[in-house]
């Protein structure tokens, strides 16, 4: 049964790219993702090169699930390349690594989710449901263990000043915030940008996290109050 809150009968489908060199992992992720919504369009890649080709071929990809250990992917160097070349595509790491320092390093590189391969189907489903609803999904037990075993393990720093937080926004997040400030509802934002409503939720949730905003109303207020600055940022990154 699919989640009715994730169904969207009118907006374009959200395309999710699953990149992992193990077909069993890809099949598991595909099955779990389809259980969330049958409208998700899925693509897959078994190497980093295939993943890059898929992204270049399909500009509608709205979410990337990627293993940091696969042919052609130099772990965090590969992640840096993804964030630099495709800053508008949210990334969720699916990895065999459960070392707290490794998880924290992935978070520092801007991923919005981290799913250990040891997670069962229900845990994966909960994590993906959070992500496509615009939230983040990180393994709290691993992070908590890291804090316990290594009290000095630093958490990802959040910029204190507003200007620095604004600079963290991707081009797509800026576009969505500008429209939100105009009073455009998420469904219309999806239509204007020709992306799915789930994709809008993912980007908006990521922007809210970066800006330290906890409610949709707060995001609207922020976007309205900073409309000129957001437009300036949009013009500078075109």
C-alpha atoms as a PDB file:
ATOM      1  CA  UNK A   1       0.000   0.000   0.000  1.00  0.00           C
ATOM      2  CA  UNK A   2       1.324   3.407  -0.930  1.00  0.00           C
ATOM      3  CA  UNK A   3       1.372   6.386   1.386  1.00  0.00           C
ATOM      4  CA  UNK A   4      -1.569   8.671   0.410  1.00  0.00           C
ATOM      5  CA  UNK A   5       0.351  11.729   1.581  1.00  0.00           C
ATOM      6  CA  UNK A   6       3.008  11.028  -1.031  1.00  0.00           C
ATOM      7  CA  UNK A   7       0.602  10.447  -3.920  1.00  0.00           C
ATOM      8  CA  UNK A   8       0.335  13.226  -6.496  1.00  0.00           C
ATOM      9  CA  UNK A   9      -2.007  12.619  -9.401  1.00  0.00           C
ATOM     10  CA  UNK A  10      -1.443  15.868 -11.261  1.00  0.00           C
ATOM     11  CA  UNK A  11       2.231  16.897 -10.918  1.00  0.00           C
ATOM     12  CA  UNK A  12       5.072  15.320 -12.924  1.00  0.00           C
ATOM     13  CA  UNK A  13       6.513  12.175 -11.375  1.00  0.00           C
ATOM     14  CA  UNK A  14       9.523  12.500  -9.116  1.00  0.00           C
ATOM     15  CA  UNK A  15      12.504  10.710 -10.643  1.00  0.00           C
ATOM     16  CA  UNK A  16      14.840   8.985  -8.200  1.00  0.00           C
ATOM     17  CA  UNK A  17      18.244   7.664  -9.258  1.00  0.00           C
ATOM     18  CA  UNK A  18      19.526   4.642  -7.333  1.00  0.00           C
ATOM     19  CA  UNK A  19      23.288   4.224  -7.754  1.00  0.00           C
ATOM     20  CA  UNK A  20      24.874   1.093  -6.262  1.00  0.00           C
ATOM     21  CA  UNK A  21      27.055  -1.629  -7.739  1.00  0.00           C
ATOM     22  CA  UNK A  22      25.110  -4.424  -5.986  1.00  0.00           C
ATOM     23  CA  UNK A  23      21.898  -5.345  -7.800  1.00  0.00           C
ATOM     24  CA  UNK A  24      20.362  -6.789  -4.626  1.00  0.00           C
ATOM     25  CA  UNK A  25      20.698  -3.402  -2.921  1.00  0.00           C
ATOM     26  CA  UNK A  26      19.208  -1.639  -5.947  1.00  0.00           C
ATOM     27  CA  UNK A  27      16.275  -4.053  -6.024  1.00  0.00           C
ATOM     28  CA  UNK A  28      15.621  -3.572  -2.308  1.00  0.00           C
ATOM     29  CA  UNK A  29      15.684   0.204  -2.640  1.00  0.00           C
ATOM     30  CA  UNK A  30      13.400   0.068  -5.675  1.00  0.00           C
ATOM     31  CA  UNK A  31      10.857  -2.107  -3.882  1.00  0.00           C
ATOM     32  CA  UNK A  32      10.846   0.093  -0.778  1.00  0.00           C
ATOM     33  CA  UNK A  33      10.579   3.263  -2.846  1.00  0.00           C
ATOM     34  CA  UNK A  34       7.667   1.876  -4.871  1.00  0.00           C
ATOM     35  CA  UNK A  35       5.916   0.980  -1.614  1.00  0.00           C
ATOM     36  CA  UNK A  36       5.935   4.691  -0.756  1.00  0.00           C
ATOM     37  CA  UNK A  37       4.429   5.788  -4.065  1.00  0.00           C
ATOM     38  CA  UNK A  38       3.832   4.041  -7.355  1.00  0.00           C
ATOM     39  CA  UNK A  39       4.253   7.377  -9.110  1.00  0.00           C
ATOM     40  CA  UNK A  40       7.965   7.607  -8.410  1.00  0.00           C
ATOM     41  CA  UNK A  41       9.960   7.083 -11.590  1.00  0.00           C
ATOM     42  CA  UNK A  42      13.102   5.088 -10.865  1.00  0.00           C
ATOM     43  CA  UNK A  43      16.435   4.975 -12.663  1.00  0.00           C
ATOM     44  CA  UNK A  44      19.471   2.965 -11.634  1.00  0.00           C
ATOM     45  CA  UNK A  45      23.220   2.915 -12.115  1.00  0.00           C
ATOM     46  CA  UNK A  46      25.825   0.322 -11.155  1.00  0.00           C
ATOM     47  CA  UNK A  47      28.852   2.640 -11.308  1.00  0.00           C
ATOM     48  CA  UNK A  48      29.707   6.275 -10.731  1.00  0.00           C
ATOM     49  CA  UNK A  49      30.159   6.795 -14.474  1.00  0.00           C
ATOM     50  CA  UNK A  50      26.690   5.400 -15.155  1.00  0.00           C
ATOM     51  CA  UNK A  51      25.262   7.644 -12.442  1.00  0.00           C
ATOM     52  CA  UNK A  52      26.795  10.772 -13.998  1.00  0.00           C
ATOM     53  CA  UNK A  53      25.534   9.751 -17.436  1.00  0.00           C
ATOM     54  CA  UNK A  54      22.030   9.198 -16.042  1.00  0.00           C
ATOM     55  CA  UNK A  55      21.968  12.634 -14.392  1.00  0.00           C
ATOM     56  CA  UNK A  56      23.212  14.338 -17.562  1.00  0.00           C
ATOM     57  CA  UNK A  57      20.638  12.447 -19.615  1.00  0.00           C
ATOM     58  CA  UNK A  58      17.694  13.134 -17.327  1.00  0.00           C
ATOM     59  CA  UNK A  59      17.386  16.669 -15.903  1.00  0.00           C
ATOM     60  CA  UNK A  60      14.199  15.702 -14.010  1.00  0.00           C
ATOM     61  CA  UNK A  61      16.049  13.614 -11.407  1.00  0.00           C
ATOM     62  CA  UNK A  62      14.924  14.998  -8.066  1.00  0.00           C
ATOM     63  CA  UNK A  63      16.740  12.702  -5.629  1.00  0.00           C
ATOM     64  CA  UNK A  64      19.895  10.591  -5.694  1.00  0.00           C
ATOM     65  CA  UNK A  65      20.415   7.507  -3.521  1.00  0.00           C
ATOM     66  CA  UNK A  66      24.087   6.638  -3.765  1.00  0.00           C
ATOM     67  CA  UNK A  67      26.623   4.233  -2.303  1.00  0.00           C
ATOM     68  CA  UNK A  68      29.954   5.947  -1.660  1.00  0.00           C
ATOM     69  CA  UNK A  69      31.823   2.699  -2.313  1.00  0.00           C
ATOM     70  CA  UNK A  70      31.322   1.582  -5.913  1.00  0.00           C
ATOM     71  CA  UNK A  71      33.347   1.520  -9.137  1.00  0.00           C
ATOM     72  CA  UNK A  72      34.614   4.967 -10.096  1.00  0.00           C
ATOM     73  CA  UNK A  73      33.426   6.627  -6.883  1.00  0.00           C
ATOM     74  CA  UNK A  74      36.265   7.841  -4.659  1.00  0.00           C
ATOM     75  CA  UNK A  75      34.031   8.158  -1.601  1.00  0.00           C
ATOM     76  CA  UNK A  76      33.995  11.761  -0.392  1.00  0.00           C
ATOM     77  CA  UNK A  77      35.829  13.021  -3.464  1.00  0.00           C
ATOM     78  CA  UNK A  78      33.008  11.626  -5.551  1.00  0.00           C
ATOM     79  CA  UNK A  79      30.474  13.181  -3.224  1.00  0.00           C
ATOM     80  CA  UNK A  80      32.225  16.539  -3.549  1.00  0.00           C
ATOM     81  CA  UNK A  81      32.063  16.234  -7.328  1.00  0.00           C
ATOM     82  CA  UNK A  82      28.331  15.493  -7.185  1.00  0.00           C
ATOM     83  CA  UNK A  83      27.621  18.454  -4.920  1.00  0.00           C
ATOM     84  CA  UNK A  84      29.745  20.729  -7.125  1.00  0.00           C
ATOM     85  CA  UNK A  85      28.410  19.578 -10.497  1.00  0.00           C
ATOM     86  CA  UNK A  86      24.771  19.013  -9.512  1.00  0.00           C
ATOM     87  CA  UNK A  87      24.106  21.286  -6.512  1.00  0.00           C
ATOM     88  CA  UNK A  88      20.338  21.196  -7.081  1.00  0.00           C
ATOM     89  CA  UNK A  89      20.008  17.412  -6.622  1.00  0.00           C
ATOM     90  CA  UNK A  90      19.529  16.287  -2.999  1.00  0.00           C
ATOM     91  CA  UNK A  91      21.701  13.300  -2.071  1.00  0.00           C
ATOM     92  CA  UNK A  92      21.034  10.411   0.300  1.00  0.00           C
ATOM     93  CA  UNK A  93      23.947   8.085   1.089  1.00  0.00           C
ATOM     94  CA  UNK A  94      23.282   4.349   1.357  1.00  0.00           C
ATOM     95  CA  UNK A  95      26.389   2.769   2.840  1.00  0.00           C
ATOM     96  CA  UNK A  96      27.868  -0.250   4.557  1.00  0.00           C
ATOM     97  CA  UNK A  97      29.876   2.101   6.777  1.00  0.00           C
ATOM     98  CA  UNK A  98      28.443   2.615  10.258  1.00  0.00           C
ATOM     99  CA  UNK A  99      31.360   4.441  11.810  1.00  0.00           C
ATOM    100  CA  UNK A 100      30.040   7.665  13.408  1.00  0.00           C
ATOM    101  CA  UNK A 101      32.919   9.734  12.031  1.00  0.00           C
ATOM    102  CA  UNK A 102      32.123   8.496   8.511  1.00  0.00           C
ATOM    103  CA  UNK A 103      28.440   9.385   8.895  1.00  0.00           C
ATOM    104  CA  UNK A 104      29.296  12.847  10.214  1.00  0.00           C
ATOM    105  CA  UNK A 105      31.694  13.419   7.319  1.00  0.00           C
ATOM    106  CA  UNK A 106      28.906  12.608   4.847  1.00  0.00           C
ATOM    107  CA  UNK A 107      26.615  15.067   6.623  1.00  0.00           C
ATOM    108  CA  UNK A 108      29.290  17.750   6.396  1.00  0.00           C
ATOM    109  CA  UNK A 109      29.293  17.248   2.649  1.00  0.00           C
ATOM    110  CA  UNK A 110      25.654  18.299   2.480  1.00  0.00           C
ATOM    111  CA  UNK A 111      23.728  15.021   2.207  1.00  0.00           C
ATOM    112  CA  UNK A 112      20.137  15.087   3.442  1.00  0.00           C
ATOM    113  CA  UNK A 113      20.044  11.457   4.502  1.00  0.00           C
ATOM    114  CA  UNK A 114      22.247   8.526   5.474  1.00  0.00           C
ATOM    115  CA  UNK A 115      20.897   4.968   5.396  1.00  0.00           C
ATOM    116  CA  UNK A 116      23.079   2.081   6.666  1.00  0.00           C
ATOM    117  CA  UNK A 117      22.871  -1.054   4.513  1.00  0.00           C
ATOM    118  CA  UNK A 118      22.168  -3.012   7.672  1.00  0.00           C
ATOM    119  CA  UNK A 119      18.784  -1.255   7.951  1.00  0.00           C
ATOM    120  CA  UNK A 120      15.725  -3.413   7.339  1.00  0.00           C
ATOM    121  CA  UNK A 121      13.007  -2.589   4.811  1.00  0.00           C
ATOM    122  CA  UNK A 122      10.828  -0.778   7.348  1.00  0.00           C
ATOM    123  CA  UNK A 123      13.721   1.395   8.534  1.00  0.00           C
ATOM    124  CA  UNK A 124      14.632   2.255   4.946  1.00  0.00           C
ATOM    125  CA  UNK A 125      11.001   3.102   4.220  1.00  0.00           C
ATOM    126  CA  UNK A 126      10.789   5.449   7.218  1.00  0.00           C
ATOM    127  CA  UNK A 127      14.010   7.186   6.193  1.00  0.00           C
ATOM    128  CA  UNK A 128      12.916   7.647   2.572  1.00  0.00           C
ATOM    129  CA  UNK A 129       9.467   8.826   3.665  1.00  0.00           C
ATOM    130  CA  UNK A 130      11.107  11.545   5.741  1.00  0.00           C
ATOM    131  CA  UNK A 131      13.341  12.614   2.873  1.00  0.00           C
ATOM    132  CA  UNK A 132      10.630  12.842   0.207  1.00  0.00           C
ATOM    133  CA  UNK A 133       8.477  14.767   2.673  1.00  0.00           C
ATOM    134  CA  UNK A 134      11.153  17.437   2.953  1.00  0.00           C
ATOM    135  CA  UNK A 135      12.887  16.290   6.137  1.00  0.00           C
ATOM    136  CA  UNK A 136      16.327  14.862   6.789  1.00  0.00           C
ATOM    137  CA  UNK A 137      17.005  11.263   7.802  1.00  0.00           C
ATOM    138  CA  UNK A 138      20.136  10.344   9.719  1.00  0.00           C
ATOM    139  CA  UNK A 139      20.835   7.259  11.890  1.00  0.00           C
ATOM    140  CA  UNK A 140      20.437   8.723  15.357  1.00  0.00           C
ATOM    141  CA  UNK A 141      21.726   5.568  17.039  1.00  0.00           C
ATOM    142  CA  UNK A 142      25.037   5.768  15.155  1.00  0.00           C
ATOM    143  CA  UNK A 143      25.419   9.477  15.838  1.00  0.00           C
ATOM    144  CA  UNK A 144      24.529   8.968  19.514  1.00  0.00           C
ATOM    145  CA  UNK A 145      27.082   6.157  19.747  1.00  0.00           C
ATOM    146  CA  UNK A 146      29.682   8.460  18.293  1.00  0.00           C
ATOM    147  CA  UNK A 147      28.904  11.129  20.857  1.00  0.00           C
ATOM    148  CA  UNK A 148      29.197   8.534  23.612  1.00  0.00           C
ATOM    149  CA  UNK A 149      32.411   6.875  22.400  1.00  0.00           C
ATOM    150  CA  UNK A 150      34.027  10.070  21.146  1.00  0.00           C
ATOM    151  CA  UNK A 151      32.770  13.076  23.142  1.00  0.00           C
ATOM    152  CA  UNK A 152      34.951  15.379  21.067  1.00  0.00           C
ATOM    153  CA  UNK A 153      33.431  14.278  17.741  1.00  0.00           C
ATOM    154  CA  UNK A 154      32.252  17.561  16.214  1.00  0.00           C
ATOM    155  CA  UNK A 155      28.731  17.980  14.892  1.00  0.00           C
ATOM    156  CA  UNK A 156      28.311  19.691  11.517  1.00  0.00           C
ATOM    157  CA  UNK A 157      28.587  23.408  12.163  1.00  0.00           C
ATOM    158  CA  UNK A 158      25.574  25.586  11.388  1.00  0.00           C
ATOM    159  CA  UNK A 159      26.434  29.154  10.385  1.00  0.00           C
ATOM    160  CA  UNK A 160      25.276  31.623  13.001  1.00  0.00           C
ATOM    161  CA  UNK A 161      24.634  34.583  10.742  1.00  0.00           C
ATOM    162  CA  UNK A 162      21.823  34.880   8.240  1.00  0.00           C
ATOM    163  CA  UNK A 163      24.009  35.768   5.264  1.00  0.00           C
ATOM    164  CA  UNK A 164      26.144  32.655   5.690  1.00  0.00           C
ATOM    165  CA  UNK A 165      23.062  30.460   5.914  1.00  0.00           C
ATOM    166  CA  UNK A 166      21.659  31.996   2.734  1.00  0.00           C
ATOM    167  CA  UNK A 167      24.916  31.201   0.950  1.00  0.00           C
ATOM    168  CA  UNK A 168      24.328  27.487   1.617  1.00  0.00           C
ATOM    169  CA  UNK A 169      21.185  27.385  -0.527  1.00  0.00           C
ATOM    170  CA  UNK A 170      21.375  25.611  -3.877  1.00  0.00           C
ATOM    171  CA  UNK A 171      20.041  27.309  -7.033  1.00  0.00           C
ATOM    172  CA  UNK A 172      16.861  25.195  -6.891  1.00  0.00           C
ATOM    173  CA  UNK A 173      16.280  26.001  -3.227  1.00  0.00           C
ATOM    174  CA  UNK A 174      16.635  29.708  -4.000  1.00  0.00           C
ATOM    175  CA  UNK A 175      14.105  29.427  -6.837  1.00  0.00           C
ATOM    176  CA  UNK A 176      11.606  27.750  -4.543  1.00  0.00           C
ATOM    177  CA  UNK A 177      12.106  30.232  -1.714  1.00  0.00           C
ATOM    178  CA  UNK A 178      11.566  33.161  -4.101  1.00  0.00           C
ATOM    179  CA  UNK A 179       8.271  31.709  -5.274  1.00  0.00           C
ATOM    180  CA  UNK A 180       7.253  30.909  -1.716  1.00  0.00           C
ATOM    181  CA  UNK A 181       7.825  34.556  -0.833  1.00  0.00           C
ATOM    182  CA  UNK A 182       5.477  35.566  -3.640  1.00  0.00           C
ATOM    183  CA  UNK A 183       2.736  33.518  -2.040  1.00  0.00           C
ATOM    184  CA  UNK A 184       2.910  30.724  -4.600  1.00  0.00           C
ATOM    185  CA  UNK A 185       1.705  27.412  -3.098  1.00  0.00           C
ATOM    186  CA  UNK A 186       4.009  24.362  -3.427  1.00  0.00           C
ATOM    187  CA  UNK A 187       1.684  22.723  -5.982  1.00  0.00           C
ATOM    188  CA  UNK A 188       1.989  25.746  -8.288  1.00  0.00           C
ATOM    189  CA  UNK A 189       5.741  25.968  -7.674  1.00  0.00           C
ATOM    190  CA  UNK A 190       5.985  22.367  -8.906  1.00  0.00           C
ATOM    191  CA  UNK A 191       4.053  23.260 -12.051  1.00  0.00           C
ATOM    192  CA  UNK A 192       6.141  26.381 -12.730  1.00  0.00           C
ATOM    193  CA  UNK A 193       9.433  24.496 -12.362  1.00  0.00           C
ATOM    194  CA  UNK A 194       8.086  21.345 -14.044  1.00  0.00           C
ATOM    195  CA  UNK A 195       9.032  19.139 -11.111  1.00  0.00           C
ATOM    196  CA  UNK A 196       6.955  16.999  -8.785  1.00  0.00           C
ATOM    197  CA  UNK A 197       5.441  18.231  -5.554  1.00  0.00           C
ATOM    198  CA  UNK A 198       7.557  15.706  -3.681  1.00  0.00           C
ATOM    199  CA  UNK A 199      10.667  17.264  -5.228  1.00  0.00           C
ATOM    200  CA  UNK A 200       9.498  20.700  -4.086  1.00  0.00           C
ATOM    201  CA  UNK A 201       9.016  19.320  -0.552  1.00  0.00           C
ATOM    202  CA  UNK A 202      12.522  17.844  -0.546  1.00  0.00           C
ATOM    203  CA  UNK A 203      14.141  21.111  -1.641  1.00  0.00           C
ATOM    204  CA  UNK A 204      12.015  23.276   0.630  1.00  0.00           C
ATOM    205  CA  UNK A 205      12.727  21.058   3.631  1.00  0.00           C
ATOM    206  CA  UNK A 206      16.438  21.182   2.903  1.00  0.00           C
ATOM    207  CA  UNK A 207      16.330  24.983   2.590  1.00  0.00           C
ATOM    208  CA  UNK A 208      14.452  25.273   5.894  1.00  0.00           C
ATOM    209  CA  UNK A 209      17.066  23.114   7.620  1.00  0.00           C
ATOM    210  CA  UNK A 210      19.898  25.281   6.291  1.00  0.00           C
ATOM    211  CA  UNK A 211      18.090  28.469   7.313  1.00  0.00           C
ATOM    212  CA  UNK A 212      17.183  27.072  10.749  1.00  0.00           C
ATOM    213  CA  UNK A 213      13.444  27.466  10.092  1.00  0.00           C
ATOM    214  CA  UNK A 214      11.097  24.969  11.711  1.00  0.00           C
ATOM    215  CA  UNK A 215       7.693  25.723  10.143  1.00  0.00           C
ATOM    216  CA  UNK A 216       6.265  26.352   6.673  1.00  0.00           C
ATOM    217  CA  UNK A 217       4.820  29.637   7.933  1.00  0.00           C
ATOM    218  CA  UNK A 218       8.276  30.660   9.105  1.00  0.00           C
ATOM    219  CA  UNK A 219       9.680  29.850   5.665  1.00  0.00           C
ATOM    220  CA  UNK A 220       7.050  32.035   3.973  1.00  0.00           C
ATOM    221  CA  UNK A 221       7.809  34.899   6.364  1.00  0.00           C
ATOM    222  CA  UNK A 222      11.563  34.542   5.792  1.00  0.00           C
ATOM    223  CA  UNK A 223      11.167  34.404   2.008  1.00  0.00           C
ATOM    224  CA  UNK A 224       8.976  37.494   2.012  1.00  0.00           C
ATOM    225  CA  UNK A 225      11.287  39.439   4.299  1.00  0.00           C
ATOM    226  CA  UNK A 226      14.401  38.497   2.275  1.00  0.00           C
ATOM    227  CA  UNK A 227      12.872  38.655  -1.214  1.00  0.00           C
ATOM    228  CA  UNK A 228      15.419  41.153  -2.561  1.00  0.00           C
ATOM    229  CA  UNK A 229      18.398  39.204  -1.220  1.00  0.00           C
ATOM    230  CA  UNK A 230      17.063  35.946  -2.652  1.00  0.00           C
ATOM    231  CA  UNK A 231      16.581  37.547  -6.074  1.00  0.00           C
ATOM    232  CA  UNK A 232      20.125  38.911  -5.895  1.00  0.00           C
ATOM    233  CA  UNK A 233      21.478  35.435  -5.102  1.00  0.00           C
ATOM    234  CA  UNK A 234      19.459  33.939  -7.979  1.00  0.00           C
ATOM    235  CA  UNK A 235      20.911  36.468 -10.430  1.00  0.00           C
ATOM    236  CA  UNK A 236      24.473  35.851  -9.241  1.00  0.00           C
ATOM    237  CA  UNK A 237      24.290  32.078  -9.788  1.00  0.00           C
ATOM    238  CA  UNK A 238      22.716  32.127 -13.237  1.00  0.00           C
END
